[in-house]
Every structure is written in structure tokens, then in C-alpha cells.
Amino acid sequence: ANNTAYLQMGSLKPEDTAVYYCAAGGNRLWIGYVDYWGQGTQ
């Protein structure tokens, strides 16, 4: 309804430090066939 996806992150570890990017695509998104990328958030 709000056209929003979320990533709830808990029990965060230092190794989770990264730039996180939202991505959209088809059924091969997981293996890197990305149609659209967000700008990233640290």
C-alpha cells in the first residue's frame, strides 16, 4: 500500500558495515540481473 520495501536488521555486527543498496528486477535478481538500483545508504 505504501510502495515500500524494508530491511529490518537486528543483532548487528561490525562485519555488517557496508553500503546497502536496494535493487529491483526479475527472477534472476539474486544472481545479479538487476534492472534498477537505489543510490545506496551507509
All heavy atoms as atom14 arrays in JSON, in Angstrom:
{
  "sequence": "ANNTAYLQMGSLKPEDTAVYYCAAGGNRLWIGYVDYWGQGTQ",
  "atom14_mask": [
    [1, 1, 1, 1, 1, 0, 0, 0, 0, 0, 0, 0, 0, 0],
    [1, 1, 1, 1, 1, 1, 1, 1, 0, 0, 0, 0, 0, 0],
    [1, 1, 1, 1, 1, 1, 1, 1, 0, 0, 0, 0, 0, 0],
    [1, 1, 1, 1, 1, 1, 1, 0, 0, 0, 0, 0, 0, 0],
    [1, 1, 1, 1, 1, 0, 0, 0, 0, 0, 0, 0, 0, 0],
    [1, 1, 1, 1, 1, 1, 1, 1, 1, 1, 1, 1, 0, 0],
    [1, 1, 1, 1, 1, 1, 1, 1, 0, 0, 0, 0, 0, 0],
    [1, 1, 1, 1, 1, 1, 1, 1, 1, 0, 0, 0, 0, 0],
    [1, 1, 1, 1, 1, 1, 1, 1, 0, 0, 0, 0, 0, 0],
    [1, 1, 1, 1, 0, 0, 0, 0, 0, 0, 0, 0, 0, 0],
    [1, 1, 1, 1, 1, 1, 0, 0, 0, 0, 0, 0, 0, 0],
    [1, 1, 1, 1, 1, 1, 1, 1, 0, 0, 0, 0, 0, 0],
    [1, 1, 1, 1, 1, 1, 1, 1, 1, 0, 0, 0, 0, 0],
    [1, 1, 1, 1, 1, 1, 1, 0, 0, 0, 0, 0, 0, 0],
    [1, 1, 1, 1, 1, 1, 1, 1, 1, 0, 0, 0, 0, 0],
    [1, 1, 1, 1, 1, 1, 1, 1, 0, 0, 0, 0, 0, 0],
    [1, 1, 1, 1, 1, 1, 1, 0, 0, 0, 0, 0, 0, 0],
    [1, 1, 1, 1, 1, 0, 0, 0, 0, 0, 0, 0, 0, 0],
    [1, 1, 1, 1, 1, 1, 1, 0, 0, 0, 0, 0, 0, 0],
    [1, 1, 1, 1, 1, 1, 1, 1, 1, 1, 1, 1, 0, 0],
    [1, 1, 1, 1, 1, 1, 1, 1, 1, 1, 1, 1, 0, 0],
    [1, 1, 1, 1, 1, 1, 0, 0, 0, 0, 0, 0, 0, 0],
    [1, 1, 1, 1, 1, 0, 0, 0, 0, 0, 0, 0, 0, 0],
    [1, 1, 1, 1, 1, 0, 0, 0, 0, 0, 0, 0, 0, 0],
    [1, 1, 1, 1, 0, 0, 0, 0, 0, 0, 0, 0, 0, 0],
    [1, 1, 1, 1, 0, 0, 0, 0, 0, 0, 0, 0, 0, 0],
    [1, 1, 1, 1, 1, 1, 1, 1, 0, 0, 0, 0, 0, 0],
    [1, 1, 1, 1, 1, 1, 1, 1, 1, 1, 1, 0, 0, 0],
    [1, 1, 1, 1, 1, 1, 1, 1, 0, 0, 0, 0, 0, 0],
    [1, 1, 1, 1, 1, 1, 1, 1, 1, 1, 1, 1, 1, 1],
    [1, 1, 1, 1, 1, 1, 1, 1, 0, 0, 0, 0, 0, 0],
    [1, 1, 1, 1, 0, 0, 0, 0, 0, 0, 0, 0, 0, 0],
    [1, 1, 1, 1, 1, 1, 1, 1, 1, 1, 1, 1, 0, 0],
    [1, 1, 1, 1, 1, 1, 1, 0, 0, 0, 0, 0, 0, 0],
    [1, 1, 1, 1, 1, 1, 1, 1, 0, 0, 0, 0, 0, 0],
    [1, 1, 1, 1, 1, 1, 1, 1, 1, 1, 1, 1, 0, 0],
    [1, 1, 1, 1, 1, 1, 1, 1, 1, 1, 1, 1, 1, 1],
    [1, 1, 1, 1, 0, 0, 0, 0, 0, 0, 0, 0, 0, 0],
    [1, 1, 1, 1, 1, 1, 1, 1, 1, 0, 0, 0, 0, 0],
    [1, 1, 1, 1, 0, 0, 0, 0, 0, 0, 0, 0, 0, 0],
    [1, 1, 1, 1, 1, 1, 1, 0, 0, 0, 0, 0, 0, 0],
    [1, 1, 1, 1, 1, 1, 1, 1, 1, 0, 0, 0, 0, 0]
  ],
  "atom14_positions": [
    [[0.82, -1.2, 0.0], [0.0, 0.0, 0.0], [0.86, 1.26, 0.0], [0.48, 2.28, -0.58], [-0.94, 0.0, 1.2], [0.0, 0.0, 0.0], [0.0, 0.0, 0.0], [0.0, 0.0, 0.0], [0.0, 0.0, 0.0], [0.0, 0.0, 0.0], [0.0, 0.0, 0.0], [0.0, 0.0, 0.0], [0.0, 0.0, 0.0], [0.0, 0.0, 0.0]],
    [[2.01, 1.2, 0.64], [2.9, 2.35, 0.73], [4.06, 2.28, -0.25], [4.95, 3.13, -0.2], [3.42, 2.5, 2.15], [2.36, 2.95, 3.12], [1.56, 3.82, 2.8], [2.34, 2.36, 4.3], [0.0, 0.0, 0.0], [0.0, 0.0, 0.0], [0.0, 0.0, 0.0], [0.0, 0.0, 0.0], [0.0, 0.0, 0.0], [0.0, 0.0, 0.0]],
    [[4.06, 1.26, -1.1], [5.1, 1.12, -2.13], [6.5, 1.17, -1.53], [7.39, 1.86, -2.04], [4.94, 2.2, -3.2], [3.64, 2.08, -3.95], [3.31, 1.01, -4.45], [2.91, 3.19, -4.05], [0.0, 0.0, 0.0], [0.0, 0.0, 0.0], [0.0, 0.0, 0.0], [0.0, 0.0, 0.0], [0.0, 0.0, 0.0], [0.0, 0.0, 0.0]],
    [[6.67, 0.41, -0.47], [7.93, 0.44, 0.25], [8.38, -0.96, 0.64], [7.56, -1.77, 1.08], [7.8, 1.3, 1.52], [7.36, 2.62, 1.16], [9.15, 1.42, 2.23], [0.0, 0.0, 0.0], [0.0, 0.0, 0.0], [0.0, 0.0, 0.0], [0.0, 0.0, 0.0], [0.0, 0.0, 0.0], [0.0, 0.0, 0.0], [0.0, 0.0, 0.0]],
    [[9.66, -1.23, 0.47], [10.27, -2.44, 0.98], [11.18, -2.08, 2.14], [11.72, -0.97, 2.2], [11.07, -3.15, -0.12], [0.0, 0.0, 0.0], [0.0, 0.0, 0.0], [0.0, 0.0, 0.0], [0.0, 0.0, 0.0], [0.0, 0.0, 0.0], [0.0, 0.0, 0.0], [0.0, 0.0, 0.0], [0.0, 0.0, 0.0], [0.0, 0.0, 0.0]],
    [[11.35, -3.0, 3.06], [12.13, -2.75, 4.26], [13.16, -3.84, 4.47], [12.98, -4.99, 4.06], [11.23, -2.7, 5.5], [10.15, -1.66, 5.44], [8.89, -1.99, 4.97], [10.39, -0.35, 5.85], [7.88, -1.04, 4.91], [9.39, 0.6, 5.79], [8.14, 0.26, 5.32], [7.15, 1.2, 5.26], [0.0, 0.0, 0.0], [0.0, 0.0, 0.0]],
    [[14.22, -3.48, 5.13], [15.17, -4.45, 5.63], [15.38, -4.15, 7.11], [16.03, -3.16, 7.47], [16.51, -4.38, 4.88], [17.52, -5.45, 5.28], [17.04, -6.83, 4.84], [18.9, -5.15, 4.67], [0.0, 0.0, 0.0], [0.0, 0.0, 0.0], [0.0, 0.0, 0.0], [0.0, 0.0, 0.0], [0.0, 0.0, 0.0], [0.0, 0.0, 0.0]],
    [[14.8, -5.0, 7.95], [14.97, -4.88, 9.38], [16.23, -5.65, 9.77], [16.32, -6.85, 9.52], [13.75, -5.43, 10.12], [12.47, -4.68, 9.85], [11.27, -5.35, 10.47], [10.6, -6.16, 9.82], [10.99, -5.04, 11.72], [0.0, 0.0, 0.0], [0.0, 0.0, 0.0], [0.0, 0.0, 0.0], [0.0, 0.0, 0.0], [0.0, 0.0, 0.0]],
    [[17.15, -4.96, 10.38], [18.43, -5.55, 10.74], [18.57, -5.54, 12.25], [18.49, -4.49, 12.88], [19.58, -4.78, 10.1], [19.47, -4.67, 8.58], [20.88, -3.8, 7.83], [20.59, -2.15, 8.48], [0.0, 0.0, 0.0], [0.0, 0.0, 0.0], [0.0, 0.0, 0.0], [0.0, 0.0, 0.0], [0.0, 0.0, 0.0], [0.0, 0.0, 0.0]],
    [[18.77, -6.71, 12.81], [18.96, -6.85, 14.23], [20.25, -7.58, 14.54], [20.87, -8.18, 13.67], [0.0, 0.0, 0.0], [0.0, 0.0, 0.0], [0.0, 0.0, 0.0], [0.0, 0.0, 0.0], [0.0, 0.0, 0.0], [0.0, 0.0, 0.0], [0.0, 0.0, 0.0], [0.0, 0.0, 0.0], [0.0, 0.0, 0.0], [0.0, 0.0, 0.0]],
    [[20.64, -7.53, 15.8], [21.88, -8.17, 16.25], [23.04, -7.81, 15.33], [23.82, -8.67, 14.91], [21.7, -9.69, 16.33], [20.67, -10.04, 17.22], [0.0, 0.0, 0.0], [0.0, 0.0, 0.0], [0.0, 0.0, 0.0], [0.0, 0.0, 0.0], [0.0, 0.0, 0.0], [0.0, 0.0, 0.0], [0.0, 0.0, 0.0], [0.0, 0.0, 0.0]],
    [[23.15, -6.55, 15.03], [24.14, -6.1, 14.06], [25.56, -6.35, 14.54], [25.86, -6.23, 15.74], [23.94, -4.63, 13.75], [22.75, -4.34, 12.82], [22.36, -2.87, 12.89], [23.1, -4.74, 11.39], [0.0, 0.0, 0.0], [0.0, 0.0, 0.0], [0.0, 0.0, 0.0], [0.0, 0.0, 0.0], [0.0, 0.0, 0.0], [0.0, 0.0, 0.0]],
    [[26.41, -6.69, 13.61], [27.81, -6.98, 13.86], [28.67, -6.0, 13.07], [28.24, -5.48, 12.05], [28.15, -8.41, 13.43], [27.26, -9.49, 14.03], [27.56, -10.84, 13.4], [26.67, -11.93, 13.96], [26.96, -13.25, 13.33], [0.0, 0.0, 0.0], [0.0, 0.0, 0.0], [0.0, 0.0, 0.0], [0.0, 0.0, 0.0], [0.0, 0.0, 0.0]],
    [[29.9, -5.77, 13.52], [30.78, -4.89, 12.76], [30.94, -5.32, 11.31], [31.07, -4.47, 10.43], [32.1, -4.98, 13.52], [31.69, -5.24, 14.93], [30.49, -6.16, 14.81], [0.0, 0.0, 0.0], [0.0, 0.0, 0.0], [0.0, 0.0, 0.0], [0.0, 0.0, 0.0], [0.0, 0.0, 0.0], [0.0, 0.0, 0.0], [0.0, 0.0, 0.0]],
    [[30.91, -6.62, 11.05], [31.05, -7.1, 9.69], [29.84, -6.81, 8.81], [29.88, -7.05, 7.6], [31.37, -8.61, 9.66], [30.44, -9.45, 10.49], [31.0, -9.77, 11.86], [31.53, -8.84, 12.52], [30.93, -10.93, 12.29], [0.0, 0.0, 0.0], [0.0, 0.0, 0.0], [0.0, 0.0, 0.0], [0.0, 0.0, 0.0], [0.0, 0.0, 0.0]],
    [[28.76, -6.3, 9.4], [27.62, -5.86, 8.62], [27.83, -4.46, 8.04], [27.01, -4.0, 7.25], [26.35, -5.86, 9.47], [25.91, -7.25, 9.89], [25.98, -8.17, 9.06], [25.5, -7.41, 11.06], [0.0, 0.0, 0.0], [0.0, 0.0, 0.0], [0.0, 0.0, 0.0], [0.0, 0.0, 0.0], [0.0, 0.0, 0.0], [0.0, 0.0, 0.0]],
    [[28.89, -3.8, 8.45], [29.19, -2.47, 7.95], [29.37, -2.51, 6.44], [30.18, -3.27, 5.91], [30.44, -1.91, 8.61], [30.21, -1.74, 10.01], [30.83, -0.57, 8.01], [0.0, 0.0, 0.0], [0.0, 0.0, 0.0], [0.0, 0.0, 0.0], [0.0, 0.0, 0.0], [0.0, 0.0, 0.0], [0.0, 0.0, 0.0], [0.0, 0.0, 0.0]],
    [[28.6, -1.69, 5.74], [28.64, -1.68, 4.29], [27.71, -0.59, 3.78], [26.92, -0.02, 4.54], [28.21, -3.04, 3.72], [0.0, 0.0, 0.0], [0.0, 0.0, 0.0], [0.0, 0.0, 0.0], [0.0, 0.0, 0.0], [0.0, 0.0, 0.0], [0.0, 0.0, 0.0], [0.0, 0.0, 0.0], [0.0, 0.0, 0.0], [0.0, 0.0, 0.0]],
    [[27.8, -0.34, 2.49], [26.78, 0.44, 1.82], [25.71, -0.53, 1.36], [26.01, -1.53, 0.69], [27.34, 1.23, 0.62], [26.22, 1.97, -0.1], [28.41, 2.21, 1.08], [0.0, 0.0, 0.0], [0.0, 0.0, 0.0], [0.0, 0.0, 0.0], [0.0, 0.0, 0.0], [0.0, 0.0, 0.0], [0.0, 0.0, 0.0], [0.0, 0.0, 0.0]],
    [[24.49, -0.26, 1.73], [23.37, -1.13, 1.38], [22.58, -0.52, 0.23], [22.23, 0.66, 0.27], [22.46, -1.34, 2.59], [23.04, -2.29, 3.6], [24.13, -1.92, 4.39], [22.52, -3.58, 3.76], [24.69, -2.79, 5.3], [23.07, -4.46, 4.67], [24.15, -4.06, 5.45], [24.69, -4.94, 6.36], [0.0, 0.0, 0.0], [0.0, 0.0, 0.0]],
    [[22.31, -1.34, -0.76], [21.61, -0.89, -1.96], [20.3, -1.65, -2.13], [20.28, -2.87, -2.06], [22.46, -1.14, -3.21], [23.77, -0.39, -3.25], [24.92, -0.95, -2.71], [23.86, 0.86, -3.84], [26.13, -0.28, -2.75], [25.06, 1.53, -3.89], [26.19, 0.96, -3.34], [27.39, 1.63, -3.39], [0.0, 0.0, 0.0], [0.0, 0.0, 0.0]],
    [[19.26, -0.92, -2.38], [18.01, -1.53, -2.79], [18.1, -1.83, -4.28], [18.72, -1.08, -5.05], [16.84, -0.58, -2.5], [15.21, -1.28, -2.81], [0.0, 0.0, 0.0], [0.0, 0.0, 0.0], [0.0, 0.0, 0.0], [0.0, 0.0, 0.0], [0.0, 0.0, 0.0], [0.0, 0.0, 0.0], [0.0, 0.0, 0.0], [0.0, 0.0, 0.0]],
    [[17.5, -2.93, -4.69], [17.55, -3.33, -6.09], [16.21, -3.93, -6.5], [15.49, -4.49, -5.68], [18.67, -4.35, -6.31], [0.0, 0.0, 0.0], [0.0, 0.0, 0.0], [0.0, 0.0, 0.0], [0.0, 0.0, 0.0], [0.0, 0.0, 0.0], [0.0, 0.0, 0.0], [0.0, 0.0, 0.0], [0.0, 0.0, 0.0], [0.0, 0.0, 0.0]],
    [[15.9, -3.82, -7.77], [14.66, -4.38, -8.3], [14.94, -5.08, -9.62], [15.77, -4.64, -10.41], [13.61, -3.29, -8.49], [0.0, 0.0, 0.0], [0.0, 0.0, 0.0], [0.0, 0.0, 0.0], [0.0, 0.0, 0.0], [0.0, 0.0, 0.0], [0.0, 0.0, 0.0], [0.0, 0.0, 0.0], [0.0, 0.0, 0.0], [0.0, 0.0, 0.0]],
    [[14.23, -6.17, -9.84], [14.39, -6.9, -11.08], [13.46, -8.08, -11.17], [12.44, -8.15, -10.47], [0.0, 0.0, 0.0], [0.0, 0.0, 0.0], [0.0, 0.0, 0.0], [0.0, 0.0, 0.0], [0.0, 0.0, 0.0], [0.0, 0.0, 0.0], [0.0, 0.0, 0.0], [0.0, 0.0, 0.0], [0.0, 0.0, 0.0], [0.0, 0.0, 0.0]],
    [[13.81, -9.02, -12.04], [13.02, -10.22, -12.25], [13.52, -11.38, -11.42], [14.17, -11.21, -10.38], [0.0, 0.0, 0.0], [0.0, 0.0, 0.0], [0.0, 0.0, 0.0], [0.0, 0.0, 0.0], [0.0, 0.0, 0.0], [0.0, 0.0, 0.0], [0.0, 0.0, 0.0], [0.0, 0.0, 0.0], [0.0, 0.0, 0.0], [0.0, 0.0, 0.0]],
    [[13.23, -12.58, -11.89], [13.53, -13.78, -11.11], [15.01, -14.14, -11.03], [15.36, -15.11, -10.36], [12.71, -14.97, -11.61], [13.02, -15.37, -13.04], [13.81, -14.72, -13.72], [12.4, -16.44, -13.49], [0.0, 0.0, 0.0], [0.0, 0.0, 0.0], [0.0, 0.0, 0.0], [0.0, 0.0, 0.0], [0.0, 0.0, 0.0], [0.0, 0.0, 0.0]],
    [[15.86, -13.4, -11.7], [17.29, -13.62, -11.61], [17.98, -12.49, -10.86], [19.2, -12.3, -10.96], [17.89, -13.8, -13.0], [17.3, -14.99, -13.76], [17.93, -15.16, -15.12], [19.29, -15.69, -15.03], [20.1, -15.85, -16.07], [19.69, -15.52, -17.29], [21.32, -16.34, -15.89], [0.0, 0.0, 0.0], [0.0, 0.0, 0.0], [0.0, 0.0, 0.0]],
    [[17.22, -11.75, -10.07], [17.78, -10.64, -9.31], [18.9, -11.1, -8.39], [19.94, -10.44, -8.29], [16.67, -9.97, -8.49], [17.1, -8.83, -7.56], [17.52, -7.63, -8.38], [15.97, -8.46, -6.61], [0.0, 0.0, 0.0], [0.0, 0.0, 0.0], [0.0, 0.0, 0.0], [0.0, 0.0, 0.0], [0.0, 0.0, 0.0], [0.0, 0.0, 0.0]],
    [[18.71, -12.21, -7.73], [19.66, -12.68, -6.74], [21.03, -12.94, -7.32], [22.05, -12.77, -6.63], [19.13, -13.95, -6.06], [19.93, -14.37, -4.88], [20.78, -15.43, -4.79], [19.96, -13.73, -3.6], [21.33, -15.5, -3.55], [20.85, -14.48, -2.79], [19.32, -12.61, -3.06], [21.12, -14.13, -1.47], [19.59, -12.27, -1.76], [20.47, -13.02, -0.98]],
    [[21.08, -13.35, -8.57], [22.36, -13.65, -9.19], [22.89, -12.47, -10.0], [23.81, -12.63, -10.8], [22.3, -14.92, -10.06], [21.25, -14.81, -11.16], [22.04, -16.14, -9.19], [21.27, -15.96, -12.15], [0.0, 0.0, 0.0], [0.0, 0.0, 0.0], [0.0, 0.0, 0.0], [0.0, 0.0, 0.0], [0.0, 0.0, 0.0], [0.0, 0.0, 0.0]],
    [[22.3, -11.3, -9.78], [22.89, -10.1, -10.31], [22.22, -9.46, -11.5], [22.75, -8.47, -12.03], [0.0, 0.0, 0.0], [0.0, 0.0, 0.0], [0.0, 0.0, 0.0], [0.0, 0.0, 0.0], [0.0, 0.0, 0.0], [0.0, 0.0, 0.0], [0.0, 0.0, 0.0], [0.0, 0.0, 0.0], [0.0, 0.0, 0.0], [0.0, 0.0, 0.0]],
    [[21.09, -10.0, -11.92], [20.38, -9.38, -13.04], [19.45, -8.31, -12.48], [18.26, -8.53, -12.27], [19.61, -10.43, -13.84], [20.5, -11.28, -14.71], [21.25, -12.32, -14.16], [20.61, -11.04, -16.07], [22.09, -13.09, -14.95], [21.43, -11.82, -16.87], [22.17, -12.84, -16.31], [22.99, -13.61, -17.11], [0.0, 0.0, 0.0], [0.0, 0.0, 0.0]],
    [[20.03, -7.16, -12.24], [19.35, -6.06, -11.6], [18.91, -5.04, -12.65], [19.72, -4.57, -13.44], [20.24, -5.38, -10.56], [19.54, -4.18, -9.95], [20.65, -6.38, -9.48], [0.0, 0.0, 0.0], [0.0, 0.0, 0.0], [0.0, 0.0, 0.0], [0.0, 0.0, 0.0], [0.0, 0.0, 0.0], [0.0, 0.0, 0.0], [0.0, 0.0, 0.0]],
    [[17.63, -4.73, -12.63], [17.11, -3.73, -13.56], [17.25, -2.31, -13.03], [17.47, -1.38, -13.8], [15.64, -4.03, -13.88], [15.44, -5.31, -14.65], [16.28, -5.63, -15.51], [14.43, -6.01, -14.4], [0.0, 0.0, 0.0], [0.0, 0.0, 0.0], [0.0, 0.0, 0.0], [0.0, 0.0, 0.0], [0.0, 0.0, 0.0], [0.0, 0.0, 0.0]],
    [[17.1, -2.16, -11.73], [17.15, -0.85, -11.11], [17.9, -0.92, -9.79], [17.72, -1.85, -9.02], [15.74, -0.29, -10.87], [14.89, -0.23, -12.11], [14.0, -1.24, -12.42], [14.98, 0.86, -12.99], [13.22, -1.19, -13.56], [14.22, 0.92, -14.13], [13.33, -0.11, -14.41], [12.56, -0.06, -15.55], [0.0, 0.0, 0.0], [0.0, 0.0, 0.0]],
    [[18.71, 0.1, -9.55], [19.45, 0.23, -8.3], [19.06, 1.51, -7.58], [18.81, 2.54, -8.21], [20.96, 0.3, -8.56], [21.61, -0.96, -8.99], [21.99, -1.3, -10.24], [22.02, -2.05, -8.13], [22.6, -2.54, -10.23], [22.63, -3.02, -8.96], [21.91, -2.29, -6.76], [23.15, -4.21, -8.45], [22.42, -3.47, -6.26], [23.03, -4.42, -7.1]],
    [[19.04, 1.44, -6.27], [18.96, 2.64, -5.47], [20.33, 3.26, -5.34], [21.33, 2.73, -5.81], [0.0, 0.0, 0.0], [0.0, 0.0, 0.0], [0.0, 0.0, 0.0], [0.0, 0.0, 0.0], [0.0, 0.0, 0.0], [0.0, 0.0, 0.0], [0.0, 0.0, 0.0], [0.0, 0.0, 0.0], [0.0, 0.0, 0.0], [0.0, 0.0, 0.0]],
    [[20.38, 4.4, -4.68], [21.64, 5.15, -4.59], [22.56, 4.62, -3.49], [23.74, 4.96, -3.46], [21.35, 6.63, -4.35], [21.01, 7.02, -2.91], [19.6, 6.66, -2.5], [18.82, 6.1, -3.28], [19.25, 6.98, -1.26], [0.0, 0.0, 0.0], [0.0, 0.0, 0.0], [0.0, 0.0, 0.0], [0.0, 0.0, 0.0], [0.0, 0.0, 0.0]],
    [[22.04, 3.81, -2.6], [22.82, 3.26, -1.51], [22.71, 4.08, -0.25], [22.55, 5.3, -0.28], [0.0, 0.0, 0.0], [0.0, 0.0, 0.0], [0.0, 0.0, 0.0], [0.0, 0.0, 0.0], [0.0, 0.0, 0.0], [0.0, 0.0, 0.0], [0.0, 0.0, 0.0], [0.0, 0.0, 0.0], [0.0, 0.0, 0.0], [0.0, 0.0, 0.0]],
    [[22.79, 3.4, 0.88], [22.79, 4.06, 2.17], [23.8, 3.38, 3.08], [23.9, 2.15, 3.12], [21.38, 4.05, 2.81], [21.37, 4.83, 4.0], [20.9, 2.64, 3.11], [0.0, 0.0, 0.0], [0.0, 0.0, 0.0], [0.0, 0.0, 0.0], [0.0, 0.0, 0.0], [0.0, 0.0, 0.0], [0.0, 0.0, 0.0], [0.0, 0.0, 0.0]],
    [[24.59, 4.16, 3.77], [25.68, 3.64, 4.58], [25.18, 3.12, 5.92], [24.43, 3.81, 6.62], [26.73, 4.73, 4.82], [27.88, 4.31, 5.74], [28.81, 3.32, 5.09], [29.21, 3.49, 3.93], [29.16, 2.26, 5.81], [0.0, 0.0, 0.0], [0.0, 0.0, 0.0], [0.0, 0.0, 0.0], [0.0, 0.0, 0.0], [0.0, 0.0, 0.0]]
  ]
}
